[in-house]
Amino acid sequence: MDEPKVFLRGLFDAAVAAADPRLSLPPHLPRPPAGRTVVIGAGKASAAMARSLEDHWPGEISGLVVTRYGHAVSCDKIEIVEAAHPVPDAAGEDAARRIVELVSDLSADDLVIALISGGGSALLTLPAPGLTLADKQAVNRALLQSGAPIGAMNCVRKHLSAVKGGRLAAAAHPARILTLAIADVPGDEPTVIASGPTVGDPTSVREAQNILTRYQIELSPAAEAWLTSPEAETPEPGDPRLAHAEFRIIAAPDKSLEAAAACARRLGVFPVILGADLEGEARQLGAEHARLVRRKLHGRALQPPFVLLSGGETTVSVRTQGRGGRNTEYLLGLALALQGEESVWALACDTDGIDGTEDNAGAVIGPDTLARARDLGLDGEAALEANDTYGFFEALGDLVMTGPTLTNVNDFRAIFVP
């Protein structure tokens, strides 16, 4: 058995590899249509997906996809545009407008292939009529700091958008539209992935308004006025304009967890998958998992070596201007609750390689994490309260740095007892 940190990193790498578009996309490609094939897309993995599609498509192809800065992959026929995430910028707005134009003059003989992955909500940004990019940016910032779950955030985004919540598919009518998606949300819900630009939306304006009230988020006067208009309602499931829209998930969190579990078994470690769709406040989930691993260990429900695996997307209620993401918040919450529990190691990373807005994928902890922190004069409780978990793990040398992985199946967490 390699040392625990190497073992945990190996599990993470296996999870990421299972969602690589080079392997997961080609089996889902359809036959070329009688007419044109136009490729569009948005998300952190969309450029890698476009490259894979180009490598395996037998006919003519053209199009445009938008990905996050630093996530571009060179393509020959499909234009790649980079834009900001998680708060949208003008590059994303311009790309979204151009994408709508690309699909707006197609016929029933044409095919649109939409490459959608996590991050698409911010990257594919086209404000609803009467709204500005500044309006959308303000709402995004407020939602990100609110602690609202991803489904709630995307409900609001859809009803303030000219492209989300099925509106992109409606714009492509009467062409056939095939969405190939890499899921990054709990439950792999198509209407939530990138705010569902190509699928009917079951949520309503009333629900969006209730979410805004619940999280005390104020809108600009223009956005308030838009939400009172009938046009703010998104296309519902069953809308005739979406009759020729098909949606396929080509990679998902549960498959990546299964790949990590298989890797653990090969190394003689018993894996337990806790779920691929865990949500909640990051630090609280960390504390809950600390209690769980202690029960498993001291109650002898499991005999070492074992590893507890989980995925999903937690939230962080931002209280200060510290640096950090949900994975480092989870890990520090876990470490503080474990209080140096012997022989417990853990890793938590975002499978896209970026935890929040920082340059790390996540971090690792071990039995000595808090002791080493004290030796450096670091206060874990204070760092957690200040939302400064990046600085805490950076000082310890325990950040995990991968760079963009060019895929995204949400967070990966592993707690290892050797």
Protein backbone atom coordinates (compact mmCIF):
# COMPACT_ATOMS: atom_id res chain seq x y z
CA MET A 1 0.00 0.00 0.00
CA ASP A 2 1.36 3.43 -0.96
CA GLU A 3 1.23 6.24 1.56
CA PRO A 4 -2.31 7.55 2.25
CA LYS A 5 -1.95 10.81 0.32
CA VAL A 6 -0.77 8.98 -2.79
CA PHE A 7 -3.61 6.47 -2.44
CA LEU A 8 -6.22 9.22 -2.13
CA ARG A 9 -4.83 11.14 -5.11
CA GLY A 10 -4.99 7.91 -7.13
CA LEU A 11 -8.70 7.55 -6.35
CA PHE A 12 -9.32 11.15 -7.42
CA ASP A 13 -7.43 10.64 -10.67
CA ALA A 14 -9.50 7.51 -11.40
CA ALA A 15 -12.71 9.47 -10.82
CA VAL A 16 -11.63 12.23 -13.19
CA ALA A 17 -10.48 9.77 -15.86
CA ALA A 18 -13.90 8.09 -15.86
CA ALA A 19 -15.44 11.41 -17.01
CA ASP A 20 -12.90 12.19 -19.76
CA PRO A 21 -14.83 13.40 -22.85
CA ARG A 22 -12.33 11.65 -25.12
CA LEU A 23 -13.75 8.33 -23.93
CA SER A 24 -17.28 9.15 -22.81
CA LEU A 25 -18.53 11.21 -25.78
CA PRO A 26 -17.89 9.17 -28.98
CA PRO A 27 -20.33 6.30 -28.21
CA HIS A 28 -23.21 8.80 -28.11
CA LEU A 29 -22.69 10.47 -31.48
CA PRO A 30 -25.60 10.12 -33.95
CA ARG A 31 -25.46 9.67 -37.69
CA PRO A 32 -24.97 12.86 -39.72
CA PRO A 33 -28.24 14.50 -40.81
CA ALA A 34 -29.46 15.24 -44.31
CA GLY A 35 -28.77 18.94 -43.69
CA ARG A 36 -26.19 20.87 -41.67
CA THR A 37 -24.59 19.91 -38.36
CA VAL A 38 -24.08 22.85 -36.00
CA VAL A 39 -22.26 22.39 -32.70
CA ILE A 40 -22.90 24.69 -29.76
CA GLY A 41 -22.04 24.36 -26.12
CA ALA A 42 -21.14 25.83 -22.78
CA GLY A 43 -19.31 24.62 -19.71
CA LYS A 44 -15.90 23.88 -18.27
CA ALA A 45 -15.68 20.65 -20.30
CA SER A 46 -17.28 21.95 -23.49
CA ALA A 47 -14.03 22.63 -25.38
CA ALA A 48 -12.68 19.15 -24.61
CA MET A 49 -16.03 17.73 -25.68
CA ALA A 50 -15.83 19.68 -28.95
CA ARG A 51 -12.36 18.31 -29.65
CA SER A 52 -13.57 14.75 -29.05
CA LEU A 53 -16.56 15.33 -31.33
CA GLU A 54 -14.35 16.71 -34.11
CA ASP A 55 -12.05 13.71 -33.84
CA HIS A 56 -14.93 11.26 -34.40
CA TRP A 57 -17.42 13.10 -36.65
CA PRO A 58 -17.54 11.71 -40.21
CA GLY A 59 -19.06 14.72 -42.00
CA GLU A 60 -18.95 18.50 -42.21
CA ILE A 61 -19.34 20.40 -38.98
CA SER A 62 -19.18 23.95 -37.63
CA GLY A 63 -20.16 25.84 -34.52
CA LEU A 64 -19.14 27.64 -31.35
CA VAL A 65 -18.75 26.67 -27.71
CA VAL A 66 -17.86 28.79 -24.69
CA THR A 67 -15.69 27.56 -21.85
CA ARG A 68 -13.99 29.01 -18.80
CA TYR A 69 -10.75 30.99 -19.10
CA GLY A 70 -7.89 28.50 -19.08
CA HIS A 71 -10.08 25.55 -20.18
CA ALA A 72 -9.80 25.97 -23.95
CA VAL A 73 -8.79 23.09 -26.23
CA SER A 74 -7.77 23.74 -29.80
CA CYS A 75 -10.33 22.74 -32.44
CA ASP A 76 -10.19 22.94 -36.24
CA LYS A 77 -13.83 23.55 -37.20
CA ILE A 78 -15.57 24.55 -33.96
CA GLU A 79 -14.77 27.99 -32.57
CA ILE A 80 -13.75 28.03 -28.91
CA VAL A 81 -14.47 31.14 -26.85
CA GLU A 82 -13.31 31.66 -23.26
CA ALA A 83 -15.34 33.61 -20.71
CA ALA A 84 -15.62 34.23 -16.97
CA HIS A 85 -16.88 31.86 -14.29
CA PRO A 86 -18.57 31.92 -11.78
CA VAL A 87 -19.59 35.55 -12.40
CA PRO A 88 -20.35 36.13 -16.10
CA ASP A 89 -18.63 38.71 -18.28
CA ALA A 90 -19.09 40.39 -21.66
CA ALA A 91 -17.25 37.59 -23.48
CA GLY A 92 -19.83 35.08 -22.26
CA GLU A 93 -22.70 37.38 -23.16
CA ASP A 94 -21.35 37.89 -26.68
CA ALA A 95 -20.81 34.14 -27.14
CA ALA A 96 -24.36 33.38 -25.99
CA ARG A 97 -25.79 35.91 -28.44
CA ARG A 98 -23.78 34.39 -31.29
CA ILE A 99 -24.87 30.87 -30.33
CA VAL A 100 -28.53 31.89 -30.51
CA GLU A 101 -27.89 33.41 -33.94
CA LEU A 102 -26.22 30.20 -35.15
CA VAL A 103 -29.29 28.07 -34.39
CA SER A 104 -32.02 30.54 -35.32
CA ASP A 105 -32.13 29.93 -39.08
CA LEU A 106 -32.05 26.13 -39.25
CA SER A 107 -34.46 23.72 -40.91
CA ALA A 108 -35.96 20.37 -39.93
CA ASP A 109 -33.16 18.66 -41.91
CA ASP A 110 -30.47 20.18 -39.71
CA LEU A 111 -28.94 18.86 -36.50
CA VAL A 112 -27.75 20.86 -33.50
CA ILE A 113 -25.38 19.09 -31.12
CA ALA A 114 -25.27 20.91 -27.78
CA LEU A 115 -22.25 20.12 -25.59
CA ILE A 116 -23.23 21.04 -22.03
CA SER A 117 -21.31 20.69 -18.78
CA GLY A 118 -20.99 22.28 -15.38
CA GLY A 119 -20.26 25.99 -15.38
CA GLY A 120 -22.57 26.59 -18.31
CA SER A 121 -24.93 28.73 -16.23
CA ALA A 122 -22.33 31.48 -15.89
CA LEU A 123 -20.62 30.97 -19.23
CA LEU A 124 -23.80 31.01 -21.35
CA THR A 125 -25.19 34.36 -20.24
CA LEU A 126 -27.73 36.33 -22.24
CA PRO A 127 -29.86 38.67 -20.11
CA ALA A 128 -33.61 38.68 -20.61
CA PRO A 129 -35.06 41.66 -22.53
CA GLY A 130 -34.60 44.90 -20.60
CA LEU A 131 -31.86 43.50 -18.36
CA THR A 132 -28.15 44.28 -18.56
CA LEU A 133 -25.07 42.18 -17.95
CA ALA A 134 -24.55 44.18 -14.75
CA ASP A 135 -27.99 43.04 -13.55
CA LYS A 136 -27.06 39.40 -14.13
CA GLN A 137 -23.65 39.82 -12.51
CA ALA A 138 -25.18 41.30 -9.35
CA VAL A 139 -27.66 38.43 -9.03
CA ASN A 140 -24.94 35.83 -9.59
CA ARG A 141 -22.72 37.32 -6.91
CA ALA A 142 -25.58 37.42 -4.42
CA LEU A 143 -26.60 33.84 -5.17
CA LEU A 144 -23.04 32.55 -4.83
CA GLN A 145 -22.68 34.15 -1.40
CA SER A 146 -26.14 33.16 -0.16
CA GLY A 147 -25.56 29.47 0.56
CA ALA A 148 -28.47 28.52 -1.74
CA PRO A 149 -28.25 25.05 -3.33
CA ILE A 150 -27.47 24.83 -7.02
CA GLY A 151 -31.04 23.95 -8.01
CA ALA A 152 -32.36 27.10 -6.37
CA MET A 153 -29.67 29.29 -7.89
CA ASN A 154 -30.37 27.96 -11.36
CA CYS A 155 -34.13 28.43 -10.96
CA VAL A 156 -33.50 32.15 -10.53
CA ARG A 157 -30.95 32.28 -13.35
CA LYS A 158 -33.36 30.62 -15.79
CA HIS A 159 -36.08 33.18 -15.26
CA LEU A 160 -33.75 36.12 -15.82
CA SER A 161 -32.25 34.68 -19.00
CA ALA A 162 -32.99 34.78 -22.73
CA VAL A 163 -31.27 31.44 -23.30
CA LYS A 164 -31.62 29.19 -20.22
CA GLY A 165 -34.55 27.01 -19.16
CA GLY A 166 -35.26 25.58 -22.62
CA ARG A 167 -35.10 28.88 -24.47
CA LEU A 168 -32.04 27.83 -26.51
CA ALA A 169 -33.81 24.70 -27.78
CA ALA A 170 -36.87 26.78 -28.63
CA ALA A 171 -34.65 29.10 -30.68
CA ALA A 172 -33.33 26.10 -32.66
CA HIS A 173 -36.80 24.85 -33.64
CA PRO A 174 -37.57 23.14 -36.05
CA ALA A 175 -34.07 21.59 -36.18
CA ARG A 176 -33.36 18.44 -34.23
CA ILE A 177 -31.24 19.16 -31.15
CA LEU A 178 -29.19 16.51 -29.36
CA THR A 179 -27.68 17.52 -26.01
CA LEU A 180 -24.67 15.58 -24.79
CA ALA A 181 -24.10 16.51 -21.16
CA ILE A 182 -21.57 15.86 -18.44
CA ALA A 183 -23.58 15.99 -15.22
CA ASP A 184 -22.30 18.03 -12.29
CA VAL A 185 -25.43 18.46 -10.17
CA PRO A 186 -27.07 16.28 -7.51
CA GLY A 187 -29.41 13.77 -9.13
CA ASP A 188 -28.04 14.41 -12.65
CA GLU A 189 -31.11 16.55 -13.30
CA PRO A 190 -31.08 17.80 -16.94
CA THR A 191 -33.09 20.91 -16.05
CA VAL A 192 -30.40 21.98 -13.56
CA ILE A 193 -27.21 21.17 -15.50
CA ALA A 194 -26.05 24.56 -16.84
CA SER A 195 -29.59 25.79 -16.07
CA GLY A 196 -31.12 23.50 -18.71
CA PRO A 197 -30.85 25.59 -21.89
CA THR A 198 -32.13 22.76 -24.09
CA VAL A 199 -34.80 21.12 -21.91
CA GLY A 200 -38.25 22.17 -20.74
CA ASP A 201 -38.28 23.88 -17.37
CA PRO A 202 -40.65 22.62 -14.63
CA THR A 203 -39.99 25.62 -12.36
CA SER A 204 -41.93 28.88 -12.36
CA VAL A 205 -41.43 32.58 -11.87
CA ARG A 206 -43.21 32.27 -8.52
CA GLU A 207 -40.62 29.75 -7.35
CA ALA A 208 -37.80 32.07 -8.44
CA GLN A 209 -39.39 34.95 -6.53
CA ASN A 210 -39.74 32.79 -3.41
CA ILE A 211 -36.06 31.85 -3.59
CA LEU A 212 -35.05 35.49 -3.87
CA THR A 213 -37.18 36.29 -0.82
CA ARG A 214 -35.87 33.34 1.20
CA TYR A 215 -32.23 34.31 0.66
CA GLN A 216 -32.90 38.07 0.90
CA ILE A 217 -31.56 38.84 -2.55
CA GLU A 218 -32.53 42.19 -4.04
CA LEU A 219 -32.97 42.67 -7.78
CA SER A 220 -32.48 45.71 -9.95
CA PRO A 221 -35.68 47.56 -10.94
CA ALA A 222 -35.35 46.13 -14.47
CA ALA A 223 -35.11 42.56 -13.19
CA GLU A 224 -38.05 43.10 -10.83
CA ALA A 225 -40.13 44.39 -13.73
CA TRP A 226 -39.17 41.47 -15.97
CA LEU A 227 -40.32 38.91 -13.40
CA THR A 228 -43.79 40.44 -13.40
CA SER A 229 -44.21 39.90 -17.15
CA PRO A 230 -45.70 36.74 -18.73
CA GLU A 231 -42.60 36.43 -20.94
CA ALA A 232 -40.51 35.61 -17.87
CA GLU A 233 -42.00 32.11 -17.75
CA THR A 234 -39.69 29.57 -19.41
CA PRO A 235 -40.77 26.88 -21.92
CA GLU A 236 -42.39 24.03 -20.02
CA PRO A 237 -41.81 20.31 -20.57
CA GLY A 238 -43.98 19.32 -23.51
CA ASP A 239 -43.60 22.66 -25.29
CA PRO A 240 -44.01 21.82 -29.02
CA ARG A 241 -40.85 23.79 -29.87
CA LEU A 242 -38.90 21.20 -27.87
CA ALA A 243 -40.47 18.16 -29.56
CA HIS A 244 -37.26 17.32 -31.45
CA ALA A 245 -34.92 17.85 -28.48
CA GLU A 246 -33.08 14.82 -27.04
CA PHE A 247 -30.90 14.81 -23.92
CA ARG A 248 -28.18 12.27 -23.06
CA ILE A 249 -25.85 12.22 -20.06
CA ILE A 250 -22.46 10.89 -21.14
CA ALA A 251 -20.64 11.14 -17.78
CA ALA A 252 -21.95 11.51 -14.23
CA PRO A 253 -20.76 11.62 -10.61
CA ASP A 254 -21.95 8.10 -9.73
CA LYS A 255 -19.86 6.56 -12.53
CA SER A 256 -16.78 8.41 -11.31
CA LEU A 257 -17.34 7.21 -7.74
CA GLU A 258 -17.69 3.66 -9.03
CA ALA A 259 -14.37 4.04 -10.88
CA ALA A 260 -12.69 5.22 -7.67
CA ALA A 261 -14.25 2.32 -5.75
CA ALA A 262 -12.91 -0.14 -8.30
CA CYS A 263 -9.46 1.40 -7.93
CA ALA A 264 -9.65 1.01 -4.14
CA ARG A 265 -10.67 -2.66 -4.42
CA ARG A 266 -7.70 -3.39 -6.68
CA LEU A 267 -5.45 -2.03 -3.93
CA GLY A 268 -7.11 -4.14 -1.22
CA VAL A 269 -9.18 -1.35 0.35
CA PHE A 270 -12.91 -1.83 0.98
CA PRO A 271 -14.92 1.08 -0.51
CA VAL A 272 -18.23 2.44 0.77
CA ILE A 273 -20.07 4.88 -1.49
CA LEU A 274 -22.10 7.28 0.64
CA GLY A 275 -23.80 8.91 -2.34
CA ALA A 276 -23.08 10.99 -5.41
CA ASP A 277 -25.56 13.74 -4.61
CA LEU A 278 -24.73 15.03 -1.12
CA GLU A 279 -25.58 18.67 -0.47
CA GLY A 280 -25.64 21.08 2.47
CA GLU A 281 -23.26 23.52 4.11
CA ALA A 282 -19.72 22.30 3.39
CA ARG A 283 -18.35 22.62 6.93
CA GLN A 284 -21.42 20.91 8.40
CA LEU A 285 -21.12 17.96 6.03
CA GLY A 286 -17.48 17.66 7.05
CA ALA A 287 -18.50 17.45 10.72
CA GLU A 288 -21.20 14.88 9.90
CA HIS A 289 -18.68 12.73 8.05
CA ALA A 290 -16.30 12.94 11.00
CA ARG A 291 -18.99 11.48 13.25
CA LEU A 292 -19.77 8.82 10.65
CA VAL A 293 -16.19 7.61 10.27
CA ARG A 294 -15.79 7.48 14.05
CA ARG A 295 -18.91 5.32 14.35
CA LYS A 296 -17.63 3.02 11.61
CA LEU A 297 -14.20 2.80 13.23
CA HIS A 298 -15.01 2.52 16.92
CA GLY A 299 -18.21 0.55 16.47
CA ARG A 300 -16.25 -1.93 14.37
CA ALA A 301 -18.87 -1.68 11.64
CA LEU A 302 -15.95 -1.68 9.21
CA GLN A 303 -12.48 -3.13 9.55
CA PRO A 304 -9.57 -1.14 8.14
CA PRO A 305 -8.48 -0.61 5.49
CA PHE A 306 -11.62 1.10 4.16
CA VAL A 307 -12.51 4.29 2.33
CA LEU A 308 -15.73 6.32 2.39
CA LEU A 309 -16.48 7.92 -0.98
CA SER A 310 -18.97 10.67 -1.77
CA GLY A 311 -19.83 13.29 -4.37
CA GLY A 312 -22.30 16.12 -4.84
CA GLU A 313 -22.16 19.86 -4.42
CA THR A 314 -22.09 21.52 -1.03
CA THR A 315 -22.55 25.22 -0.41
CA VAL A 316 -20.59 27.89 1.44
CA SER A 317 -22.28 30.80 3.18
CA VAL A 318 -19.73 33.55 2.65
CA ARG A 319 -19.29 35.66 5.77
CA THR A 320 -15.99 37.41 5.04
CA GLN A 321 -13.63 38.06 2.14
CA GLY A 322 -11.30 35.13 2.88
CA ARG A 323 -10.06 32.76 0.19
CA GLY A 324 -11.33 29.23 -0.19
CA GLY A 325 -13.84 26.92 -1.81
CA ARG A 326 -16.37 24.35 -0.69
CA ASN A 327 -13.86 21.47 -0.68
CA THR A 328 -11.38 23.15 1.63
CA GLU A 329 -14.29 24.28 3.86
CA TYR A 330 -15.50 20.67 4.00
CA LEU A 331 -12.02 19.39 4.88
CA LEU A 332 -11.37 21.91 7.63
CA GLY A 333 -14.81 21.17 9.09
CA LEU A 334 -13.91 17.47 8.97
CA ALA A 335 -10.48 17.99 10.55
CA LEU A 336 -11.84 20.12 13.38
CA ALA A 337 -14.49 17.52 14.19
CA LEU A 338 -11.99 14.64 14.03
CA GLN A 339 -9.55 16.44 16.36
CA GLY A 340 -6.58 14.38 15.23
CA GLU A 341 -8.36 11.02 15.15
CA GLU A 342 -5.67 8.41 14.62
CA SER A 343 -5.28 6.93 11.14
CA VAL A 344 -7.94 9.02 9.39
CA TRP A 345 -6.96 10.71 6.13
CA ALA A 346 -9.14 12.54 3.64
CA LEU A 347 -9.13 14.29 0.29
CA ALA A 348 -11.79 16.59 -1.18
CA CYS A 349 -11.43 18.08 -4.66
CA ASP A 350 -13.55 19.52 -7.43
CA THR A 351 -13.27 17.26 -10.46
CA ASP A 352 -12.86 20.29 -12.75
CA GLY A 353 -9.59 21.10 -10.98
CA ILE A 354 -10.81 24.42 -9.55
CA ASP A 355 -12.24 24.70 -6.03
CA GLY A 356 -14.45 27.77 -6.14
CA THR A 357 -12.51 30.64 -7.66
CA GLU A 358 -9.04 29.59 -6.54
CA ASP A 359 -6.24 27.75 -8.40
CA ASN A 360 -6.43 24.53 -6.37
CA ALA A 361 -8.65 21.51 -6.91
CA GLY A 362 -8.97 20.96 -3.16
CA ALA A 363 -6.77 19.67 -0.36
CA VAL A 364 -5.88 16.71 1.88
CA ILE A 365 -5.87 16.20 5.64
CA GLY A 366 -4.32 13.64 7.96
CA PRO A 367 -4.19 12.84 11.68
CA ASP A 368 -1.48 15.50 12.16
CA THR A 369 -3.19 18.37 10.31
CA LEU A 370 -4.30 20.35 13.35
CA ALA A 371 -1.07 19.71 15.26
CA ARG A 372 1.05 20.95 12.34
CA ALA A 373 -1.22 23.97 12.04
CA ARG A 374 -0.74 24.85 15.71
CA ASP A 375 3.03 24.57 15.28
CA LEU A 376 2.75 27.21 12.54
CA GLY A 377 0.55 29.45 14.67
CA LEU A 378 -2.57 28.71 12.63
CA ASP A 379 -6.04 28.63 14.18
CA GLY A 380 -8.33 26.26 12.29
CA GLU A 381 -11.52 27.56 13.89
CA ALA A 382 -10.62 31.15 13.03
CA ALA A 383 -9.71 30.23 9.46
CA LEU A 384 -13.06 28.49 9.00
CA GLU A 385 -15.01 31.44 10.39
CA ALA A 386 -13.09 33.79 8.11
CA ASN A 387 -13.76 31.61 5.04
CA ASP A 388 -9.96 31.52 4.67
CA THR A 389 -9.47 27.79 4.21
CA TYR A 390 -7.23 28.25 1.16
CA GLY A 391 -4.68 30.14 3.26
CA PHE A 392 -4.86 27.50 5.99
CA PHE A 393 -4.06 24.58 3.68
CA GLU A 394 -1.58 26.60 1.63
CA ALA A 395 0.50 27.24 4.75
CA LEU A 396 0.50 23.49 5.49
CA GLY A 397 1.49 22.58 1.94
CA ASP A 398 -1.63 20.42 1.65
CA LEU A 399 -3.42 22.00 -1.31
CA VAL A 400 -4.06 19.70 -4.28
CA MET A 401 -3.09 21.43 -7.52
CA THR A 402 -4.12 19.83 -10.80
CA GLY A 403 -4.96 22.69 -13.13
CA PRO A 404 -8.09 22.44 -15.30
CA THR A 405 -9.01 18.77 -15.83
CA LEU A 406 -11.30 19.60 -18.80
CA THR A 407 -14.21 17.69 -17.32
CA ASN A 408 -16.59 18.28 -14.42
CA VAL A 409 -18.66 15.76 -12.47
CA ASN A 410 -18.80 17.82 -9.31
CA ASP A 411 -16.92 17.29 -6.07
CA PHE A 412 -15.07 14.13 -5.06
CA ARG A 413 -14.51 13.26 -1.41
CA ALA A 414 -12.68 10.30 0.11
CA ILE A 415 -12.05 9.46 3.78
CA PHE A 416 -9.44 6.74 4.19
CA VAL A 417 -8.67 4.59 7.23
CA PRO A 418 -5.62 2.40 6.43
